[in-house]
Amino acid sequence: MNVLINDKPYTLAPGARLADALLLIEARPPYATAVNRQFVPRSSHATHELHAGDRIEVIRPVTGG
């Protein structure tokens, strides 16, 4: 199935979870995630099922002043 992660196209197996997408892009904490503009808490990454066409955002905090 095709999804967008940070506006880049990726292909995942049917039934993939958000955790699978994060492994694919080698995401390293700290980060926050949203699927179709809905925040997904870290505790749900392993169970949040993805669907074809989902838009996943992985956002890293910005530090500085």
PDB file of N, CA and C in Angstrom:
ATOM      1  N   MET A   1       0.846  -1.170   0.000  1.00  0.00           N
ATOM      2  CA  MET A   1       0.000   0.000   0.000  1.00  0.00           C
ATOM      3  C   MET A   1       0.889   1.229   0.000  1.00  0.00           C
ATOM      4  N   ASN A   2       0.419   2.273  -0.636  1.00  0.00           N
ATOM      5  CA  ASN A   2       1.182   3.515  -0.742  1.00  0.00           C
ATOM      6  C   ASN A   2       0.706   4.523   0.302  1.00  0.00           C
ATOM      7  N   VAL A   3       1.675   5.147   0.970  1.00  0.00           N
ATOM      8  CA  VAL A   3       1.404   6.196   1.956  1.00  0.00           C
ATOM      9  C   VAL A   3       2.389   7.335   1.699  1.00  0.00           C
ATOM     10  N   LEU A   4       2.121   8.462   2.316  1.00  0.00           N
ATOM     11  CA  LEU A   4       3.064   9.582   2.288  1.00  0.00           C
ATOM     12  C   LEU A   4       3.613   9.770   3.694  1.00  0.00           C
ATOM     13  N   ILE A   5       4.908   9.858   3.801  1.00  0.00           N
ATOM     14  CA  ILE A   5       5.551  10.162   5.080  1.00  0.00           C
ATOM     15  C   ILE A   5       6.323  11.449   4.884  1.00  0.00           C
ATOM     16  N   ASN A   6       5.906  12.483   5.587  1.00  0.00           N
ATOM     17  CA  ASN A   6       6.499  13.815   5.422  1.00  0.00           C
ATOM     18  C   ASN A   6       6.529  14.204   3.943  1.00  0.00           C
ATOM     19  N   ASP A   7       5.408  13.964   3.263  1.00  0.00           N
ATOM     20  CA  ASP A   7       5.188  14.324   1.861  1.00  0.00           C
ATOM     21  C   ASP A   7       6.034  13.540   0.858  1.00  0.00           C
ATOM     22  N   LYS A   8       6.653  12.438   1.290  1.00  0.00           N
ATOM     23  CA  LYS A   8       7.405  11.577   0.371  1.00  0.00           C
ATOM     24  C   LYS A   8       6.672  10.241   0.259  1.00  0.00           C
ATOM     25  N   PRO A   9       6.557   9.699  -0.947  1.00  0.00           N
ATOM     26  CA  PRO A   9       5.837   8.429  -1.120  1.00  0.00           C
ATOM     27  C   PRO A   9       6.657   7.226  -0.648  1.00  0.00           C
ATOM     28  N   TYR A  10       5.973   6.313   0.026  1.00  0.00           N
ATOM     29  CA  TYR A  10       6.566   5.053   0.481  1.00  0.00           C
ATOM     30  C   TYR A  10       5.562   3.944   0.251  1.00  0.00           C
ATOM     31  N   THR A  11       6.068   2.723   0.155  1.00  0.00           N
ATOM     32  CA  THR A  11       5.211   1.551   0.020  1.00  0.00           C
ATOM     33  C   THR A  11       5.387   0.687   1.252  1.00  0.00           C
ATOM     34  N   LEU A  12       4.269   0.318   1.871  1.00  0.00           N
ATOM     35  CA  LEU A  12       4.253  -0.556   3.038  1.00  0.00           C
ATOM     36  C   LEU A  12       3.386  -1.762   2.737  1.00  0.00           C
ATOM     37  N   ALA A  13       3.600  -2.830   3.473  1.00  0.00           N
ATOM     38  CA  ALA A  13       2.775  -4.032   3.322  1.00  0.00           C
ATOM     39  C   ALA A  13       1.360  -3.752   3.823  1.00  0.00           C
ATOM     40  N   PRO A  14       0.359  -4.384   3.236  1.00  0.00           N
ATOM     41  CA  PRO A  14      -1.008  -4.239   3.746  1.00  0.00           C
ATOM     42  C   PRO A  14      -1.053  -4.626   5.225  1.00  0.00           C
ATOM     43  N   GLY A  15      -1.811  -3.864   6.004  1.00  0.00           N
ATOM     44  CA  GLY A  15      -1.921  -4.129   7.432  1.00  0.00           C
ATOM     45  C   GLY A  15      -0.783  -3.555   8.254  1.00  0.00           C
ATOM     46  N   ALA A  16       0.091  -2.754   7.630  1.00  0.00           N
ATOM     47  CA  ALA A  16       1.214  -2.155   8.351  1.00  0.00           C
ATOM     48  C   ALA A  16       0.710  -1.223   9.442  1.00  0.00           C
ATOM     49  N   ARG A  17       1.494  -1.098  10.467  1.00  0.00           N
ATOM     50  CA  ARG A  17       1.205  -0.211  11.599  1.00  0.00           C
ATOM     51  C   ARG A  17       2.115   1.013  11.521  1.00  0.00           C
ATOM     52  N   LEU A  18       1.773   2.009  12.297  1.00  0.00           N
ATOM     53  CA  LEU A  18       2.586   3.226  12.320  1.00  0.00           C
ATOM     54  C   LEU A  18       4.024   2.900  12.713  1.00  0.00           C
ATOM     55  N   ALA A  19       4.219   1.991  13.627  1.00  0.00           N
ATOM     56  CA  ALA A  19       5.572   1.600  14.033  1.00  0.00           C
ATOM     57  C   ALA A  19       6.381   1.084  12.840  1.00  0.00           C
ATOM     58  N   ASP A  20       5.730   0.381  11.912  1.00  0.00           N
ATOM     59  CA  ASP A  20       6.417  -0.113  10.717  1.00  0.00           C
ATOM     60  C   ASP A  20       6.903   1.049   9.852  1.00  0.00           C
ATOM     61  N   ALA A  21       6.083   2.072   9.705  1.00  0.00           N
ATOM     62  CA  ALA A  21       6.465   3.243   8.917  1.00  0.00           C
ATOM     63  C   ALA A  21       7.640   3.966   9.567  1.00  0.00           C
ATOM     64  N   LEU A  22       7.633   4.051  10.880  1.00  0.00           N
ATOM     65  CA  LEU A  22       8.722   4.724  11.588  1.00  0.00           C
ATOM     66  C   LEU A  22      10.029   3.944  11.442  1.00  0.00           C
ATOM     67  N   LEU A  23       9.953   2.623  11.441  1.00  0.00           N
ATOM     68  CA  LEU A  23      11.145   1.808  11.196  1.00  0.00           C
ATOM     69  C   LEU A  23      11.664   2.019   9.779  1.00  0.00           C
ATOM     70  N   LEU A  24      10.757   2.113   8.832  1.00  0.00           N
ATOM     71  CA  LEU A  24      11.135   2.294   7.431  1.00  0.00           C
ATOM     72  C   LEU A  24      11.974   3.554   7.228  1.00  0.00           C
ATOM     73  N   ILE A  25      11.595   4.631   7.903  1.00  0.00           N
ATOM     74  CA  ILE A  25      12.344   5.884   7.732  1.00  0.00           C
ATOM     75  C   ILE A  25      13.432   6.057   8.789  1.00  0.00           C
ATOM     76  N   GLU A  26      13.608   5.030   9.627  1.00  0.00           N
ATOM     77  CA  GLU A  26      14.635   5.052  10.673  1.00  0.00           C
ATOM     78  C   GLU A  26      14.490   6.263  11.591  1.00  0.00           C
ATOM     79  N   ALA A  27      13.260   6.539  12.003  1.00  0.00           N
ATOM     80  CA  ALA A  27      12.986   7.670  12.893  1.00  0.00           C
ATOM     81  C   ALA A  27      13.620   7.416  14.259  1.00  0.00           C
ATOM     82  N   ARG A  28      14.242   8.434  14.790  1.00  0.00           N
ATOM     83  CA  ARG A  28      14.857   8.348  16.115  1.00  0.00           C
ATOM     84  C   ARG A  28      14.250   9.421  17.009  1.00  0.00           C
ATOM     85  N   PRO A  29      13.881   9.038  18.238  1.00  0.00           N
ATOM     86  CA  PRO A  29      13.293  10.019  19.167  1.00  0.00           C
ATOM     87  C   PRO A  29      14.272  11.153  19.423  1.00  0.00           C
ATOM     88  N   PRO A  30      13.790  12.302  19.768  1.00  0.00           N
ATOM     89  CA  PRO A  30      12.392  12.629  20.051  1.00  0.00           C
ATOM     90  C   PRO A  30      11.647  13.050  18.778  1.00  0.00           C
ATOM     91  N   TYR A  31      10.380  12.684  18.705  1.00  0.00           N
ATOM     92  CA  TYR A  31       9.524  13.093  17.609  1.00  0.00           C
ATOM     93  C   TYR A  31       8.073  12.918  18.029  1.00  0.00           C
ATOM     94  N   ALA A  32       7.201  13.580  17.300  1.00  0.00           N
ATOM     95  CA  ALA A  32       5.752  13.412  17.467  1.00  0.00           C
ATOM     96  C   ALA A  32       5.222  12.928  16.130  1.00  0.00           C
ATOM     97  N   THR A  33       4.094  12.207  16.162  1.00  0.00           N
ATOM     98  CA  THR A  33       3.537  11.678  14.922  1.00  0.00           C
ATOM     99  C   THR A  33       2.065  12.032  14.786  1.00  0.00           C
ATOM    100  N   ALA A  34       1.655  12.169  13.528  1.00  0.00           N
ATOM    101  CA  ALA A  34       0.245  12.385  13.204  1.00  0.00           C
ATOM    102  C   ALA A  34      -0.061  11.596  11.942  1.00  0.00           C
ATOM    103  N   VAL A  35      -1.251  11.039  11.889  1.00  0.00           N
ATOM    104  CA  VAL A  35      -1.727  10.345  10.696  1.00  0.00           C
ATOM    105  C   VAL A  35      -2.991  11.068  10.258  1.00  0.00           C
ATOM    106  N   ASN A  36      -2.973  11.572   9.039  1.00  0.00           N
ATOM    107  CA  ASN A  36      -4.095  12.355   8.507  1.00  0.00           C
ATOM    108  C   ASN A  36      -4.483  13.488   9.450  1.00  0.00           C
ATOM    109  N   ARG A  37      -3.437  14.160   9.953  1.00  0.00           N
ATOM    110  CA  ARG A  37      -3.557  15.329  10.828  1.00  0.00           C
ATOM    111  C   ARG A  37      -4.099  15.041  12.217  1.00  0.00           C
ATOM    112  N   GLN A  38      -4.164  13.774  12.592  1.00  0.00           N
ATOM    113  CA  GLN A  38      -4.593  13.388  13.932  1.00  0.00           C
ATOM    114  C   GLN A  38      -3.382  12.870  14.703  1.00  0.00           C
ATOM    115  N   PHE A  39      -3.100  13.505  15.849  1.00  0.00           N
ATOM    116  CA  PHE A  39      -1.974  13.087  16.688  1.00  0.00           C
ATOM    117  C   PHE A  39      -2.129  11.623  17.086  1.00  0.00           C
ATOM    118  N   VAL A  40      -1.031  10.879  17.030  1.00  0.00           N
ATOM    119  CA  VAL A  40      -1.019   9.482  17.474  1.00  0.00           C
ATOM    120  C   VAL A  40       0.029   9.369  18.582  1.00  0.00           C
ATOM    121  N   PRO A  41      -0.399   9.077  19.820  1.00  0.00           N
ATOM    122  CA  PRO A  41       0.568   8.974  20.916  1.00  0.00           C
ATOM    123  C   PRO A  41       1.512   7.796  20.726  1.00  0.00           C
ATOM    124  N   ARG A  42       2.697   7.916  21.282  1.00  0.00           N
ATOM    125  CA  ARG A  42       3.715   6.875  21.170  1.00  0.00           C
ATOM    126  C   ARG A  42       3.173   5.519  21.632  1.00  0.00           C
ATOM    127  N   SER A  43       2.323   5.509  22.630  1.00  0.00           N
ATOM    128  CA  SER A  43       1.776   4.248  23.148  1.00  0.00           C
ATOM    129  C   SER A  43       0.898   3.526  22.127  1.00  0.00           C
ATOM    130  N   SER A  44       0.488   4.215  21.059  1.00  0.00           N
ATOM    131  CA  SER A  44      -0.374   3.613  20.031  1.00  0.00           C
ATOM    132  C   SER A  44       0.354   3.296  18.728  1.00  0.00           C
ATOM    133  N   HIS A  45       1.633   3.594  18.641  1.00  0.00           N
ATOM    134  CA  HIS A  45       2.366   3.376  17.388  1.00  0.00           C
ATOM    135  C   HIS A  45       2.310   1.922  16.927  1.00  0.00           C
ATOM    136  N   ALA A  46       2.423   0.980  17.849  1.00  0.00           N
ATOM    137  CA  ALA A  46       2.456  -0.435  17.477  1.00  0.00           C
ATOM    138  C   ALA A  46       1.093  -0.978  17.074  1.00  0.00           C
ATOM    139  N   THR A  47       0.024  -0.280  17.445  1.00  0.00           N
ATOM    140  CA  THR A  47      -1.324  -0.785  17.150  1.00  0.00           C
ATOM    141  C   THR A  47      -2.084   0.057  16.132  1.00  0.00           C
ATOM    142  N   HIS A  48      -1.582   1.232  15.806  1.00  0.00           N
ATOM    143  CA  HIS A  48      -2.294   2.121  14.870  1.00  0.00           C
ATOM    144  C   HIS A  48      -2.122   1.600  13.446  1.00  0.00           C
ATOM    145  N   GLU A  49      -3.176   1.007  12.891  1.00  0.00           N
ATOM    146  CA  GLU A  49      -3.125   0.444  11.549  1.00  0.00           C
ATOM    147  C   GLU A  49      -3.196   1.544  10.501  1.00  0.00           C
ATOM    148  N   LEU A  50      -2.357   1.410   9.486  1.00  0.00           N
ATOM    149  CA  LEU A  50      -2.331   2.366   8.387  1.00  0.00           C
ATOM    150  C   LEU A  50      -3.177   1.855   7.225  1.00  0.00           C
ATOM    151  N   HIS A  51      -3.607   2.795   6.382  1.00  0.00           N
ATOM    152  CA  HIS A  51      -4.419   2.470   5.214  1.00  0.00           C
ATOM    153  C   HIS A  51      -3.822   3.168   3.994  1.00  0.00           C
ATOM    154  N   ALA A  52      -4.076   2.610   2.830  1.00  0.00           N
ATOM    155  CA  ALA A  52      -3.573   3.195   1.593  1.00  0.00           C
ATOM    156  C   ALA A  52      -3.976   4.667   1.513  1.00  0.00           C
ATOM    157  N   GLY A  53      -3.021   5.505   1.146  1.00  0.00           N
ATOM    158  CA  GLY A  53      -3.285   6.928   0.999  1.00  0.00           C
ATOM    159  C   GLY A  53      -3.112   7.746   2.272  1.00  0.00           C
ATOM    160  N   ASP A  54      -2.802   7.090   3.406  1.00  0.00           N
ATOM    161  CA  ASP A  54      -2.601   7.845   4.645  1.00  0.00           C
ATOM    162  C   ASP A  54      -1.438   8.809   4.500  1.00  0.00           C
ATOM    163  N   ARG A  55      -1.577   9.938   5.176  1.00  0.00           N
ATOM    164  CA  ARG A  55      -0.522  10.945   5.225  1.00  0.00           C
ATOM    165  C   ARG A  55       0.041  10.951   6.639  1.00  0.00           C
ATOM    166  N   ILE A  56       1.301  10.595   6.762  1.00  0.00           N
ATOM    167  CA  ILE A  56       1.966  10.476   8.056  1.00  0.00           C
ATOM    168  C   ILE A  56       2.943  11.638   8.193  1.00  0.00           C
ATOM    169  N   GLU A  57       2.881  12.286   9.334  1.00  0.00           N
ATOM    170  CA  GLU A  57       3.828  13.369   9.622  1.00  0.00           C
ATOM    171  C   GLU A  57       4.649  12.958  10.827  1.00  0.00           C
ATOM    172  N   VAL A  58       5.954  13.072  10.700  1.00  0.00           N
ATOM    173  CA  VAL A  58       6.877  12.827  11.799  1.00  0.00           C
ATOM    174  C   VAL A  58       7.570  14.154  12.060  1.00  0.00           C
ATOM    175  N   ILE A  59       7.324  14.712  13.235  1.00  0.00           N
ATOM    176  CA  ILE A  59       7.773  16.073  13.542  1.00  0.00           C
ATOM    177  C   ILE A  59       8.787  16.030  14.669  1.00  0.00           C
ATOM    178  N   ARG A  60       9.925  16.636  14.426  1.00  0.00           N
ATOM    179  CA  ARG A  60      10.980  16.713  15.443  1.00  0.00           C
ATOM    180  C   ARG A  60      10.918  18.075  16.145  1.00  0.00           C
ATOM    181  N   PRO A  61      11.159  18.099  17.453  1.00  0.00           N
ATOM    182  CA  PRO A  61      11.163  19.389  18.144  1.00  0.00           C
ATOM    183  C   PRO A  61      12.343  20.251  17.682  1.00  0.00           C
ATOM    184  N   VAL A  62      12.136  21.535  17.712  1.00  0.00           N
ATOM    185  CA  VAL A  62      13.177  22.476  17.331  1.00  0.00           C
ATOM    186  C   VAL A  62      13.631  23.201  18.590  1.00  0.00           C
ATOM    187  N   THR A  63      14.936  23.265  18.774  1.00  0.00           N
ATOM    188  CA  THR A  63      15.472  23.958  19.936  1.00  0.00           C
ATOM    189  C   THR A  63      16.194  25.214  19.476  1.00  0.00           C
ATOM    190  N   GLY A  64      16.384  26.078  20.387  1.00  0.00           N
ATOM    191  CA  GLY A  64      17.084  27.311  20.071  1.00  0.00           C
ATOM    192  C   GLY A  64      16.286  28.518  20.562  1.00  0.00           C
ATOM    193  N   GLY A  65      16.791  29.672  20.262  1.00  0.00           N
ATOM    194  CA  GLY A  65      16.111  30.825  20.798  1.00  0.00           C
ATOM    195  C   GLY A  65      16.010  31.966  19.893  1.00  0.00           C
TER     196      GLY A  65
END
